N, C-alpha and C. Protein backbone atom coordinates (compact mmCIF):
# COMPACT_ATOMS: atom_id res chain seq x y z
N MET A 1 12.67 -22.00 -3.27
CA MET A 1 12.42 -20.59 -2.19
C MET A 1 11.96 -21.30 -0.91
N THR A 2 12.64 -20.72 0.02
CA THR A 2 12.17 -21.16 1.39
C THR A 2 10.94 -20.14 1.84
N ASP A 3 10.21 -20.77 2.85
CA ASP A 3 9.09 -20.23 3.08
C ASP A 3 9.24 -18.55 3.91
N ASN A 4 10.33 -18.51 4.04
CA ASN A 4 10.92 -17.04 4.80
C ASN A 4 11.34 -16.00 3.79
N SER A 5 11.36 -16.68 2.59
CA SER A 5 11.84 -15.33 1.39
C SER A 5 10.99 -14.67 0.94
N ILE A 6 11.60 -13.58 0.32
CA ILE A 6 10.46 -12.77 -0.15
C ILE A 6 10.34 -13.43 -1.47
N PRO A 7 9.00 -13.32 -2.01
CA PRO A 7 8.58 -13.68 -3.50
C PRO A 7 9.51 -12.79 -4.39
N LEU A 8 9.67 -13.44 -5.71
CA LEU A 8 10.47 -12.27 -6.71
C LEU A 8 9.55 -11.32 -7.11
N ASN A 9 8.41 -11.71 -7.45
CA ASN A 9 7.65 -10.20 -7.82
C ASN A 9 6.76 -9.67 -6.29
N ASN A 10 7.89 -8.40 -6.01
CA ASN A 10 7.52 -8.14 -4.61
C ASN A 10 7.61 -6.73 -4.88
N ASN A 11 7.01 -6.26 -5.91
CA ASN A 11 6.73 -4.68 -6.58
C ASN A 11 5.59 -4.10 -5.32
N ILE A 12 6.27 -3.10 -4.88
CA ILE A 12 4.92 -2.02 -3.89
C ILE A 12 4.90 -0.89 -4.56
N LEU A 13 3.70 -0.35 -4.45
CA LEU A 13 3.26 0.85 -4.87
C LEU A 13 2.81 1.58 -3.75
N LEU A 14 3.55 2.67 -3.48
CA LEU A 14 3.45 3.46 -2.39
C LEU A 14 2.92 4.38 -2.35
N ALA A 15 1.65 5.14 -1.88
CA ALA A 15 1.11 6.44 -2.09
C ALA A 15 0.70 6.92 -0.72
N GLU A 16 1.84 8.36 -0.51
CA GLU A 16 1.75 8.90 0.61
C GLU A 16 2.00 10.41 0.77
N ASP A 17 1.00 11.06 1.14
CA ASP A 17 1.40 12.67 0.57
C ASP A 17 2.35 13.29 1.62
N ASP A 18 2.58 12.74 3.02
CA ASP A 18 3.74 13.04 3.57
C ASP A 18 4.96 12.86 3.15
N ASN A 19 5.95 13.81 2.41
CA ASN A 19 7.28 13.47 2.04
C ASN A 19 8.14 12.75 3.00
N ASP A 20 7.99 13.22 4.06
CA ASP A 20 9.26 12.71 5.11
C ASP A 20 8.74 10.88 5.32
N MET A 21 7.53 10.81 5.69
CA MET A 21 6.87 9.58 6.00
C MET A 21 7.07 8.96 4.69
N ARG A 22 6.73 9.32 3.65
CA ARG A 22 7.01 8.21 2.22
C ARG A 22 8.53 8.07 2.05
N ARG A 23 9.37 9.01 2.19
CA ARG A 23 10.67 8.28 2.14
C ARG A 23 11.08 7.49 3.06
N PHE A 24 10.61 7.57 4.55
CA PHE A 24 11.02 6.69 5.50
C PHE A 24 10.51 5.18 5.18
N LEU A 25 9.49 4.91 4.73
CA LEU A 25 8.35 3.89 4.45
C LEU A 25 9.16 3.27 3.30
N ALA A 26 9.59 3.85 2.29
CA ALA A 26 9.97 3.25 1.07
C ALA A 26 11.60 2.75 1.55
N LYS A 27 12.25 3.75 2.38
CA LYS A 27 13.66 3.10 2.64
C LYS A 27 13.49 1.88 3.54
N ALA A 28 12.64 1.78 4.43
CA ALA A 28 12.41 0.84 5.41
C ALA A 28 12.03 -0.66 4.49
N LEU A 29 11.13 -0.42 3.47
CA LEU A 29 10.75 -1.60 2.64
C LEU A 29 11.98 -2.09 1.71
N GLN A 30 12.60 -0.77 1.26
CA GLN A 30 13.77 -1.12 0.35
C GLN A 30 14.83 -1.91 1.04
N ASN A 31 14.95 -1.62 2.00
CA ASN A 31 15.79 -2.22 3.12
C ASN A 31 15.41 -3.95 3.48
N ALA A 32 14.55 -3.93 3.52
CA ALA A 32 13.70 -5.31 3.64
C ALA A 32 13.68 -6.30 2.41
N GLY A 33 14.41 -5.35 1.17
CA GLY A 33 14.38 -6.42 0.06
C GLY A 33 13.22 -6.34 -0.99
N PHE A 34 12.27 -5.32 -0.77
CA PHE A 34 10.94 -5.11 -1.55
C PHE A 34 11.85 -3.82 -2.70
N SER A 35 10.94 -4.08 -3.83
CA SER A 35 11.01 -3.16 -4.83
C SER A 35 10.17 -1.84 -4.81
N VAL A 36 10.30 -0.66 -4.66
CA VAL A 36 9.27 0.42 -4.21
C VAL A 36 9.07 1.56 -5.16
N ALA A 37 8.13 1.70 -5.61
CA ALA A 37 7.64 3.05 -6.43
C ALA A 37 6.77 3.83 -5.52
N SER A 38 7.08 5.08 -5.37
CA SER A 38 6.61 5.94 -4.41
C SER A 38 6.15 6.81 -5.32
N TYR A 39 4.89 7.45 -4.71
CA TYR A 39 3.92 8.67 -5.29
C TYR A 39 3.50 9.91 -4.04
N ASP A 40 3.39 10.62 -4.28
CA ASP A 40 3.04 11.63 -3.23
C ASP A 40 1.47 11.93 -3.36
N ASN A 41 0.64 11.29 -4.51
CA ASN A 41 -0.72 11.49 -4.21
C ASN A 41 -1.25 10.18 -5.07
N GLY A 42 -2.79 10.00 -4.92
CA GLY A 42 -3.13 8.95 -5.41
C GLY A 42 -3.38 8.97 -6.99
N LEU A 43 -3.63 10.09 -7.64
CA LEU A 43 -3.74 10.12 -9.15
C LEU A 43 -2.55 9.55 -9.74
N SER A 44 -1.41 10.20 -9.04
CA SER A 44 -0.25 9.57 -9.61
C SER A 44 -0.13 8.39 -9.64
N ALA A 45 -0.15 7.56 -8.51
CA ALA A 45 -0.27 6.23 -8.20
C ALA A 45 -0.87 5.52 -9.02
N TYR A 46 -1.96 6.14 -9.27
CA TYR A 46 -3.05 5.46 -9.96
C TYR A 46 -2.55 5.36 -11.38
N ASN A 47 -2.02 6.18 -12.18
CA ASN A 47 -1.42 6.24 -13.48
C ASN A 47 -0.30 5.28 -13.78
N ARG A 48 0.37 5.00 -12.44
CA ARG A 48 1.44 4.13 -12.73
C ARG A 48 0.92 2.74 -12.63
N LEU A 49 -0.05 2.60 -11.79
CA LEU A 49 -0.86 1.08 -11.97
C LEU A 49 -1.13 0.55 -13.15
N ARG A 50 -1.61 1.80 -13.99
CA ARG A 50 -2.00 1.49 -15.28
C ARG A 50 -0.84 1.24 -16.21
N GLU A 51 0.19 1.45 -15.70
CA GLU A 51 1.24 1.09 -16.66
C GLU A 51 1.92 -0.48 -16.50
N GLU A 52 2.02 -0.73 -15.32
CA GLU A 52 2.52 -1.84 -14.42
C GLU A 52 2.00 -2.66 -13.37
N PRO A 53 2.09 -3.79 -13.55
CA PRO A 53 1.47 -4.56 -12.20
C PRO A 53 2.35 -4.61 -10.95
N PHE A 54 1.51 -4.54 -10.05
CA PHE A 54 2.31 -4.38 -8.76
C PHE A 54 1.96 -5.51 -7.82
N GLN A 55 2.34 -5.87 -6.91
CA GLN A 55 1.98 -7.03 -6.09
C GLN A 55 1.01 -6.26 -4.85
N LEU A 56 1.44 -5.03 -4.52
CA LEU A 56 0.74 -4.60 -3.17
C LEU A 56 0.54 -3.02 -3.52
N LEU A 57 -0.54 -2.53 -3.00
CA LEU A 57 -0.66 -1.23 -3.12
C LEU A 57 -0.85 -0.62 -1.45
N LEU A 58 0.39 0.02 -1.02
CA LEU A 58 0.29 0.47 0.26
C LEU A 58 -0.06 2.17 0.19
N THR A 59 -1.10 2.43 0.62
CA THR A 59 -1.62 3.66 0.47
C THR A 59 -2.10 4.53 1.74
N ASP A 60 -2.01 5.56 1.92
CA ASP A 60 -2.49 6.63 3.03
C ASP A 60 -4.20 6.59 2.69
N ILE A 61 -4.83 7.03 3.30
CA ILE A 61 -6.40 7.44 2.79
C ILE A 61 -6.43 8.84 2.62
N VAL A 62 -5.97 9.64 3.47
CA VAL A 62 -6.29 10.87 2.87
C VAL A 62 -5.25 11.89 2.44
N MET A 63 -5.40 11.93 0.73
CA MET A 63 -4.45 12.56 0.01
C MET A 63 -4.87 13.40 -0.83
N PRO A 64 -4.22 14.27 -1.24
CA PRO A 64 -4.56 15.47 -2.60
C PRO A 64 -4.96 14.43 -3.79
N GLU A 65 -5.82 14.88 -4.57
CA GLU A 65 -6.17 14.45 -5.99
C GLU A 65 -6.93 13.23 -6.03
N MET A 66 -6.70 12.32 -5.25
CA MET A 66 -7.51 11.06 -5.37
C MET A 66 -7.28 10.41 -3.81
N ASP A 67 -8.13 10.33 -3.23
CA ASP A 67 -7.86 9.43 -1.66
C ASP A 67 -7.52 8.10 -1.90
N GLY A 68 -6.96 7.82 -0.82
CA GLY A 68 -6.84 6.14 -0.78
C GLY A 68 -7.83 5.24 -1.20
N ILE A 69 -8.78 5.32 -0.84
CA ILE A 69 -9.64 4.63 -1.16
C ILE A 69 -10.08 4.17 -2.28
N GLU A 70 -10.26 5.77 -2.84
CA GLU A 70 -10.62 5.54 -4.58
C GLU A 70 -9.55 5.03 -5.12
N LEU A 71 -8.14 5.09 -4.78
CA LEU A 71 -6.91 4.57 -5.40
C LEU A 71 -7.37 3.27 -5.34
N ALA A 72 -7.62 2.62 -4.10
CA ALA A 72 -7.71 1.08 -3.91
C ALA A 72 -9.08 0.44 -4.79
N ARG A 73 -9.89 1.47 -4.77
CA ARG A 73 -11.22 0.85 -5.38
C ARG A 73 -10.45 0.53 -6.87
N ARG A 74 -9.93 1.69 -7.19
CA ARG A 74 -9.80 1.58 -9.08
C ARG A 74 -8.52 0.77 -9.10
N ALA A 75 -7.66 0.42 -8.28
CA ALA A 75 -6.52 -0.74 -8.46
C ALA A 75 -7.02 -2.03 -8.41
N THR A 76 -8.13 -2.29 -7.33
CA THR A 76 -8.61 -3.65 -7.76
C THR A 76 -9.40 -3.98 -8.99
N GLU A 77 -10.10 -2.99 -9.48
CA GLU A 77 -10.54 -3.10 -10.60
C GLU A 77 -9.67 -3.47 -11.84
N LEU A 78 -8.40 -2.66 -11.62
CA LEU A 78 -7.48 -2.88 -12.78
C LEU A 78 -6.96 -4.21 -12.50
N ASP A 79 -6.51 -4.71 -11.45
CA ASP A 79 -6.31 -5.98 -11.04
C ASP A 79 -6.64 -6.40 -9.89
N PRO A 80 -7.86 -7.46 -9.98
CA PRO A 80 -8.20 -8.26 -9.02
C PRO A 80 -7.52 -8.97 -7.88
N ASP A 81 -6.31 -9.36 -8.17
CA ASP A 81 -5.29 -9.76 -7.29
C ASP A 81 -4.32 -8.78 -6.58
N ILE A 82 -4.08 -7.72 -6.73
CA ILE A 82 -3.37 -6.81 -5.98
C ILE A 82 -3.92 -6.77 -4.55
N LYS A 83 -2.86 -6.93 -3.69
CA LYS A 83 -3.00 -6.88 -2.54
C LYS A 83 -3.15 -5.13 -1.91
N VAL A 84 -3.79 -4.76 -0.86
CA VAL A 84 -4.07 -3.32 -0.59
C VAL A 84 -3.97 -3.49 0.99
N MET A 85 -3.16 -2.61 1.27
CA MET A 85 -2.85 -2.30 2.58
C MET A 85 -2.91 -0.71 2.86
N PHE A 86 -3.86 -0.40 4.01
CA PHE A 86 -4.16 1.28 4.25
C PHE A 86 -2.95 1.54 5.38
N ILE A 87 -2.08 2.68 5.14
CA ILE A 87 -1.65 2.99 6.51
C ILE A 87 -2.43 4.54 6.77
N THR A 88 -2.96 4.52 7.94
CA THR A 88 -3.77 5.89 8.34
C THR A 88 -3.54 6.05 9.66
N GLY A 89 -4.32 7.19 10.10
CA GLY A 89 -4.21 7.76 11.29
C GLY A 89 -5.73 7.77 11.56
N PHE A 90 -6.50 7.41 10.40
CA PHE A 90 -7.98 7.37 10.66
C PHE A 90 -8.59 6.14 10.14
N ALA A 91 -8.27 4.93 11.08
CA ALA A 91 -8.54 3.75 10.57
C ALA A 91 -10.22 3.47 10.57
N ALA A 92 -10.92 4.24 11.42
CA ALA A 92 -12.24 4.20 11.32
C ALA A 92 -12.98 4.39 10.13
N VAL A 93 -12.15 5.38 9.46
CA VAL A 93 -12.57 5.82 7.88
C VAL A 93 -12.49 4.64 6.93
N ALA A 94 -11.23 4.26 7.26
CA ALA A 94 -11.21 2.97 6.19
C ALA A 94 -12.05 1.75 6.52
N LEU A 95 -12.44 1.53 7.83
CA LEU A 95 -13.40 0.57 8.48
C LEU A 95 -14.83 0.85 7.99
N ASN A 96 -15.23 1.96 7.67
CA ASN A 96 -16.64 2.18 7.54
C ASN A 96 -17.15 1.40 6.05
N PRO A 97 -18.10 0.53 6.25
CA PRO A 97 -18.36 0.01 4.95
C PRO A 97 -19.36 0.89 3.85
N ASP A 98 -19.43 2.18 4.04
CA ASP A 98 -19.99 2.54 3.29
C ASP A 98 -18.72 3.56 2.30
N ASN A 99 -17.88 3.35 2.50
CA ASN A 99 -16.53 4.00 1.60
C ASN A 99 -16.29 3.04 0.31
N ASN A 100 -16.65 1.84 0.28
CA ASN A 100 -16.18 1.05 -0.82
C ASN A 100 -14.83 0.54 -0.88
N ALA A 101 -14.06 0.72 0.11
CA ALA A 101 -12.68 0.51 0.21
C ALA A 101 -12.50 -1.08 -0.10
N PRO A 102 -12.12 -1.91 -0.76
CA PRO A 102 -11.65 -3.34 -1.01
C PRO A 102 -11.86 -4.02 0.45
N ARG A 103 -13.06 -5.00 0.23
CA ARG A 103 -12.88 -5.84 1.70
C ARG A 103 -12.01 -6.25 2.37
N GLN A 104 -10.96 -6.89 1.35
CA GLN A 104 -9.64 -8.00 2.11
C GLN A 104 -8.59 -7.03 2.51
N ALA A 105 -8.84 -5.55 2.14
CA ALA A 105 -7.43 -4.86 2.47
C ALA A 105 -7.24 -4.65 3.81
N LYS A 106 -5.99 -4.61 4.30
CA LYS A 106 -5.33 -4.23 5.55
C LYS A 106 -5.27 -3.10 6.00
N ILE A 107 -5.35 -3.02 7.20
CA ILE A 107 -5.23 -1.45 7.78
C ILE A 107 -4.32 -1.59 8.69
N LEU A 108 -3.31 -0.55 8.83
CA LEU A 108 -2.12 -0.53 10.11
C LEU A 108 -2.23 1.32 10.27
N SER A 109 -2.52 1.35 11.32
CA SER A 109 -2.87 2.64 12.06
C SER A 109 -1.48 2.97 12.63
N LYS A 110 -1.56 4.57 12.12
CA LYS A 110 -0.43 5.41 12.32
C LYS A 110 -0.71 5.85 13.94
N PRO A 111 0.64 5.96 14.57
CA PRO A 111 1.80 5.63 14.27
C PRO A 111 2.02 4.24 14.63
N PHE A 112 3.13 3.40 13.72
CA PHE A 112 3.27 1.82 13.92
C PHE A 112 4.97 1.98 13.56
N HIS A 113 5.53 1.17 13.97
CA HIS A 113 7.03 0.61 14.09
C HIS A 113 7.06 0.32 12.61
N LEU A 114 8.58 0.57 12.14
CA LEU A 114 8.66 0.39 10.82
C LEU A 114 8.69 -1.49 10.98
N LYS A 115 9.22 -2.09 11.87
CA LYS A 115 9.19 -3.53 11.92
C LYS A 115 7.88 -4.00 11.68
N ASP A 116 7.08 -3.60 12.28
CA ASP A 116 5.61 -4.03 12.05
C ASP A 116 5.15 -3.93 10.81
N LEU A 117 5.32 -2.77 10.33
CA LEU A 117 4.95 -2.48 8.71
C LEU A 117 5.50 -3.44 7.93
N VAL A 118 7.04 -3.70 7.86
CA VAL A 118 7.73 -4.81 7.30
C VAL A 118 7.12 -6.37 7.22
N ASN A 119 6.76 -6.70 8.93
CA ASN A 119 6.12 -7.71 9.14
C ASN A 119 4.80 -7.91 8.41
N GLU A 120 3.93 -7.13 8.52
CA GLU A 120 2.54 -7.05 8.00
C GLU A 120 2.67 -7.05 6.43
N VAL A 121 3.49 -6.38 5.88
CA VAL A 121 3.78 -6.52 4.19
C VAL A 121 4.19 -7.66 3.85
N GLN A 122 5.25 -8.28 4.46
CA GLN A 122 5.63 -9.88 4.27
C GLN A 122 4.45 -10.89 4.57
N ARG A 123 3.73 -10.17 5.46
CA ARG A 123 2.54 -11.47 5.66
C ARG A 123 1.41 -11.56 4.75
N LEU A 124 1.18 -10.14 4.26
CA LEU A 124 0.20 -10.05 3.36
C LEU A 124 0.47 -10.63 1.98
N LEU A 125 2.03 -10.45 1.72
CA LEU A 125 2.32 -10.58 0.49
C LEU A 125 2.49 -12.51 0.37
N ALA A 126 2.64 -12.78 1.41
CA ALA A 126 2.82 -14.60 1.77
C ALA A 126 1.76 -15.28 1.61
N ALA A 127 0.76 -14.20 1.89
CA ALA A 127 -0.90 -15.47 2.01
C ALA A 127 -1.21 -15.68 0.42
């Protein structure tokens, strides 16, 4: 495996309540060679995490049923090795130390270019 290749375990769980954004992000990541399971709310995403390990949780923060911060907190309780990236228009919310978001989580602020998303995901998974 060369340094630039995508790891074999490249499962990404995507939680984003905006349907168009979710489809757009999933397609971009799949085109980059990742396996993506996507959900439109945090609770459904959490239920999937309980069934199967994922390498990365890519989640919006503001969602119905369970927000992305609670989802990330629960995901890291299930699997301390899961990597977390928040995609949000509300970076200050994610950065607030009082919200108990996982400390090592990466934040990508909307709007962002798909190339930047793919690069950040690759960098996070390679770390």
